[in-house]
Protein backbone atom coordinates (compact mmCIF):
# COMPACT_ATOMS: atom_id res chain seq x y z
CA MET A 1 44.15 129.03 145.00
CA ARG A 2 40.93 128.85 144.19
CA HIS A 3 40.93 131.57 141.56
CA ALA A 4 43.76 129.71 140.22
CA THR A 5 41.84 126.57 139.70
CA LYS A 6 39.18 128.58 138.15
CA ARG A 7 41.54 130.19 135.51
CA HIS A 8 43.29 126.81 135.11
CA CYS A 9 39.07 125.56 134.28
CA ASN A 10 38.68 128.23 131.95
CA ALA A 11 41.82 127.37 129.94
CA VAL A 12 41.40 124.04 129.52
CA HIS A 13 37.87 125.03 128.11
CA SER A 14 39.18 127.16 125.91
CA ILE A 15 41.71 124.80 124.25
CA LEU A 16 38.80 122.01 123.90
CA LEU A 17 36.42 124.55 122.21
CA GLN A 18 39.00 124.49 119.04
CA SER A 19 38.06 121.01 118.17
CA PRO A 20 35.32 121.10 115.47
CA GLN A 21 33.74 117.91 116.87
CA ILE A 22 33.24 119.47 120.28
CA LYS A 23 32.22 122.98 119.10
CA PHE A 24 29.61 121.17 116.97
CA CYS A 25 27.55 119.81 120.11
CA GLY A 26 26.54 122.89 122.26
CA LEU A 27 25.11 120.60 125.05
CA PHE A 28 28.43 119.09 125.58
CA ASN A 29 30.06 122.50 125.81
CA ALA A 30 27.73 123.42 128.78
CA ILE A 31 27.97 120.36 130.84
CA PHE A 32 31.65 120.15 130.16
CA TYR A 33 32.04 123.78 131.43
CA GLN A 34 30.29 122.93 134.63
CA ALA A 35 32.01 120.30 135.44
CA LEU A 36 35.36 121.79 135.22
CA ARG A 37 34.33 124.52 137.17
CA SER A 38 33.05 122.27 140.12
CA TYR A 39 36.24 120.26 140.31
CA PRO A 40 37.89 122.01 143.01
CA ASN A 41 34.71 121.94 145.24
CA GLN A 42 34.19 118.31 145.14
CA LYS A 43 37.55 116.74 145.51
CA THR A 44 36.00 113.52 146.69
CA ASN A 45 34.10 113.29 143.69
CA ASP A 46 36.65 113.81 140.97
CA MET A 47 36.54 110.26 139.49
CA LYS A 48 32.63 110.38 139.09
CA ILE A 49 32.91 113.60 137.33
CA LEU A 50 35.98 112.61 135.14
CA ALA A 51 33.95 109.61 133.86
CA THR A 52 30.82 111.63 133.35
CA VAL A 53 33.20 113.95 131.14
CA LEU A 54 34.46 111.10 129.06
CA LEU A 55 30.90 109.54 128.44
CA ILE A 56 29.65 112.85 127.38
CA SER A 57 32.42 113.57 125.34
CA SER A 58 32.30 110.35 123.22
CA ILE A 59 28.41 110.96 122.73
CA GLY A 60 28.67 114.14 121.79
CA ILE A 61 31.52 113.42 118.93
CA GLY A 62 29.76 110.40 117.99
CA ALA A 63 26.78 112.61 117.41
CA ALA A 64 28.50 115.15 115.29
CA ALA A 65 30.15 112.52 112.93
CA GLN A 66 26.99 111.04 112.35
CA GLU A 67 25.68 114.57 111.77
CA THR A 68 28.28 115.51 109.31
CA THR A 69 28.54 112.15 107.13
CA GLU A 70 26.28 111.67 104.16
CA PRO A 71 25.49 108.14 102.78
CA THR A 72 26.81 107.93 98.96
CA PRO A 73 23.46 107.09 97.09
CA LYS A 74 23.44 103.90 94.89
CA ARG A 75 23.13 104.49 91.06
CA GLU A 76 20.70 102.77 89.40
CA PRO A 77 21.70 100.14 87.04
CA GLY A 78 20.90 101.21 83.41
CA LYS A 79 23.53 103.75 82.29
CA ASN A 80 25.43 101.56 80.46
CA GLU A 81 24.36 98.20 78.40
CA MET A 82 26.18 95.25 76.70
CA GLY A 83 25.14 92.27 75.16
CA LEU A 84 25.07 90.12 72.06
CA PHE A 85 22.98 90.37 69.09
CA VAL A 86 21.98 88.09 66.04
CA GLU A 87 20.45 88.91 62.50
CA PRO A 88 18.75 85.84 61.31
CA ILE A 89 17.10 87.95 58.49
CA SER A 90 19.87 89.98 57.08
CA SER A 91 20.11 92.20 53.66
CA ASN A 92 20.80 91.79 50.13
CA ASN A 93 23.01 93.73 47.97
CA PHE A 94 23.92 93.95 44.24
CA ASN A 95 24.37 90.64 43.48
CA GLY A 96 24.48 88.74 46.72
CA SER A 97 23.46 88.91 50.16
CA TYR A 98 25.00 88.67 53.80
CA ASP A 99 24.05 85.51 55.40
CA SER A 100 22.86 85.55 59.15
CA TRP A 101 25.54 87.24 61.01
CA GLY A 102 25.99 88.80 64.58
CA GLY A 103 28.10 90.12 67.11
CA VAL A 104 28.67 92.17 70.11
CA GLN A 105 26.89 95.82 70.87
CA PHE A 106 27.69 98.69 73.49
CA LYS A 107 25.13 101.40 74.48
CA ARG A 108 25.88 104.45 76.77
CA TRP A 109 22.90 106.42 77.88
CA ALA A 110 23.78 109.92 77.78
CA LYS A 111 19.91 111.01 78.61
CA PRO A 112 17.23 109.07 80.04
CA ASN A 113 15.54 108.64 76.36
CA ILE A 114 19.31 109.07 74.14
CA ALA A 115 21.87 106.71 74.02
CA TYR A 116 25.03 105.99 71.74
CA ARG A 117 25.77 102.58 70.38
CA ILE A 118 28.68 100.87 69.21
CA ILE A 119 28.95 97.47 67.47
CA GLY A 120 31.46 94.89 66.29
CA ALA A 121 30.34 91.87 64.21
CA VAL A 122 31.18 89.10 61.79
CA GLY A 123 29.35 87.36 59.19
CA ASP A 124 29.67 86.03 55.48
CA TYR A 125 28.90 87.88 52.30
CA ILE A 126 27.35 85.20 49.52
CA GLY A 127 27.31 86.24 46.20
CA TYR A 128 26.47 84.57 42.83
CA SER A 129 26.00 85.35 39.25
CA ASN A 130 23.48 84.11 36.89
CA PRO A 131 24.72 81.35 34.34
CA MET A 132 26.23 82.86 31.30
CA TYR A 133 25.88 81.13 27.86
CA VAL A 134 29.50 80.06 26.50
CA GLU A 135 28.95 77.59 24.10
CA LYS A 136 27.08 74.29 22.55
CA ARG A 137 28.58 71.05 21.92
CA GLY A 138 26.10 68.62 20.47
CA ASP A 139 23.09 68.36 22.55
CA THR A 140 25.04 69.96 25.55
CA ILE A 141 25.32 73.38 26.52
CA LEU A 142 28.06 75.03 28.40
CA GLN A 143 27.58 77.71 30.64
CA ARG A 144 29.63 79.72 33.29
CA SER A 145 28.72 81.32 36.50
CA TYR A 146 30.37 82.53 39.58
CA ASN A 147 30.10 82.05 43.37
CA THR A 148 31.79 83.93 45.95
CA ASN A 149 31.89 83.78 49.68
CA VAL A 150 33.66 86.34 51.81
CA PRO A 151 33.81 86.31 55.84
CA MET A 152 33.32 90.19 56.68
CA TYR A 153 33.96 92.05 59.87
CA PHE A 154 31.89 95.11 60.79
CA LEU A 155 32.53 97.91 62.87
CA GLY A 156 29.96 100.89 63.33
CA GLY A 157 28.08 103.11 65.64
CA GLY A 158 24.52 105.12 65.95
CA VAL A 159 22.11 107.08 68.11
CA GLU A 160 19.13 105.49 69.62
CA VAL A 161 16.02 107.54 70.91
CA GLN A 162 13.33 105.74 73.26
CA ARG A 163 9.87 106.34 74.79
CA GLN A 164 8.44 104.38 77.50
CA PHE A 165 4.90 102.54 75.77
CA TYR A 166 3.85 100.58 78.93
CA LYS A 167 5.60 99.49 81.89
CA LYS A 168 8.73 97.49 81.01
CA VAL A 169 8.06 97.71 77.16
CA VAL A 170 9.83 100.64 75.59
CA LEU A 171 9.72 101.44 71.86
CA TYR A 172 12.64 103.12 70.18
CA ALA A 173 14.02 104.47 66.88
CA ALA A 174 17.70 104.55 65.86
CA ILE A 175 20.03 105.21 63.05
CA GLU A 176 23.25 103.15 62.60
CA VAL A 177 26.35 103.46 59.85
CA LYS A 178 28.84 100.59 59.87
CA ALA A 179 31.65 99.79 57.60
CA GLY A 180 32.73 96.11 56.76
CA TYR A 181 35.67 94.40 55.26
CA GLY A 182 36.97 90.93 54.26
CA THR A 183 38.72 88.80 52.00
CA GLY A 184 37.90 85.39 50.64
CA ARG A 185 37.52 83.34 47.42
CA ASN A 186 35.61 83.32 44.13
CA GLN A 187 34.80 80.12 42.41
CA GLU A 188 34.28 80.01 38.62
CA LEU A 189 32.02 77.27 37.68
CA LEU A 190 31.07 75.37 34.19
CA THR A 191 27.82 74.21 34.21
CA LYS A 192 26.80 71.35 31.56
CA VAL A 193 23.09 71.12 30.64
CA LEU A 194 21.51 68.53 28.14
CA GLU A 195 19.30 70.24 25.36
CA SER A 196 16.06 68.43 24.85
CA GLN A 197 14.92 67.97 21.13
CA GLN A 198 12.50 70.77 21.55
CA GLY A 199 15.03 73.13 22.66
CA VAL A 200 14.23 73.20 26.29
CA PHE A 201 16.64 72.87 28.76
CA VAL A 202 15.88 69.70 31.29
CA PRO A 203 18.61 69.85 33.91
CA ASP A 204 16.92 66.53 35.46
CA MET A 205 18.31 64.99 32.43
CA TYR A 206 21.62 65.91 32.86
CA PHE A 207 23.21 68.31 35.08
CA GLU A 208 26.94 68.86 35.84
CA VAL A 209 29.00 71.44 37.39
CA ASP A 210 32.84 71.62 37.27
CA ASN A 211 34.82 74.25 39.28
CA ILE A 212 37.47 75.76 36.86
CA GLY A 213 39.12 78.10 38.67
CA THR A 214 39.37 79.88 42.35
CA HIS A 215 40.18 83.64 42.74
CA ARG A 216 41.06 85.84 45.63
CA VAL A 217 38.22 88.63 46.67
CA THR A 218 38.50 91.75 48.58
CA ALA A 219 35.21 93.40 49.71
CA PHE A 220 34.35 96.60 51.53
CA THR A 221 31.11 98.11 52.70
CA ILE A 222 29.66 101.13 54.27
CA ASP A 223 25.93 101.78 54.70
CA ALA A 224 23.56 103.66 57.09
CA THR A 225 20.39 102.00 58.29
CA PRO A 226 17.81 103.33 60.22
CA PHE A 227 15.99 100.79 62.66
CA ILE A 228 12.45 100.77 64.51
CA GLY A 229 12.21 98.25 67.68
CA ALA A 230 10.73 97.47 70.66
CA LYS A 231 12.22 95.83 73.72
CA LEU A 232 11.49 94.66 77.32
CA ASN A 233 13.69 96.32 80.13
CA PHE A 234 14.13 94.45 83.23
CA ARG A 235 16.49 95.64 86.20
CA ARG A 236 19.55 94.03 84.76
CA LEU A 237 18.57 92.65 81.53
CA SER A 238 17.02 94.36 78.14
CA LEU A 239 15.65 91.94 75.53
CA GLY A 240 14.63 93.36 72.31
CA THR A 241 14.10 93.50 68.43
CA GLU A 242 14.57 95.90 65.88
CA ILE A 243 13.48 95.83 62.05
CA SER A 244 14.36 97.79 59.09
CA ALA A 245 13.37 97.95 55.27
CA ILE A 246 15.76 100.40 54.09
CA ASN A 247 19.43 100.24 53.46
CA ILE A 248 21.81 103.01 51.79
CA GLY A 249 25.21 101.99 51.17
CA LEU A 250 28.24 102.03 49.11
CA GLU A 251 29.98 98.49 47.95
CA LYS A 252 33.11 97.63 46.40
CA MET A 253 34.13 94.37 45.40
CA GLN A 254 37.35 93.06 43.80
CA VAL A 255 37.91 89.29 41.75
CA GLU A 256 41.08 88.57 40.95
CA ASN A 257 41.73 88.29 37.19
CA ILE A 258 38.07 88.76 36.72
CA PRO A 259 36.25 92.03 35.84
CA SER A 260 34.54 93.15 38.91
CA TYR A 261 32.22 95.70 40.11
CA ASN A 262 33.89 98.94 41.72
CA GLY A 263 31.96 101.56 43.88
CA VAL A 264 28.53 100.47 43.32
CA THR A 265 25.97 102.52 45.25
CA ASN A 266 22.92 100.64 46.65
CA PHE A 267 19.44 102.19 47.87
CA ASP A 268 17.08 99.35 49.09
CA VAL A 269 13.52 100.16 49.64
CA GLY A 270 11.45 96.94 50.61
CA ASP A 271 14.47 94.91 51.77
CA LEU A 272 13.35 93.54 55.47
CA ARG A 273 16.12 92.99 57.94
CA GLN A 274 15.74 91.99 61.60
CA ARG A 275 18.00 92.13 64.61
CA VAL A 276 17.53 90.52 68.23
CA TYR A 277 19.73 91.32 71.18
CA LEU A 278 20.04 90.39 74.75
CA ASN A 279 21.92 93.26 76.75
CA TYR A 280 23.25 93.42 80.25
CA ARG A 281 22.54 96.61 82.17
CA PHE A 282 24.90 98.32 84.74
């Protein structure tokens, strides 16, 4: 009978060893095996042995689970950025300028110092022309001029390279390519100016402007602009500004029933523009 019980204990021990949690804890194996072997000789203490075995098994399995489970590291914020920007100082072009415009931008840092960015923005194109002589009626000079206003929508992207300058201060350089499209109106104005006896125009004495026609305008532009900038990087926010004095682009303006320029290339140097932005880092 004793040999049969011993064989039974060995069989139970072999089955339990197939569990990966129990195999992982060598101390538990030794104690559990000795408890099974001593069971036939200590019938009066069988409940104590069983309780001891269960306690040791729970400790062994818990320890194995803790050792095999690794905590998931938390990713630091800053891999992506999204925010708002505005250009209070914008650029001029062939015969007009872009009024203050702004929009949203998204940045994705492919490397710690290199990012790709995408922008979407809106703004107004304000165009004008110098007065052109039409005719003279007595002491009044008639002049014609044009004013253009086109709401524009822009979409673009670029690459940014940065370098830490001091603590939270970061300096960077970027190049951006964007395209814009919009439709608006063109006003044809007739200006009446009084000519003095000396042949000098005196607008303060007599000056009148009449709107003699309104025409539909379609505008398209594409340009490339390099920027240099500085920013303050906090844990969740990035506040920065960037400037540029170079703009290379192509503009196309079509005015209904009025001769207009088509496909004018711009290369502006010294035309300062500035952008200010606030991004959320995540």
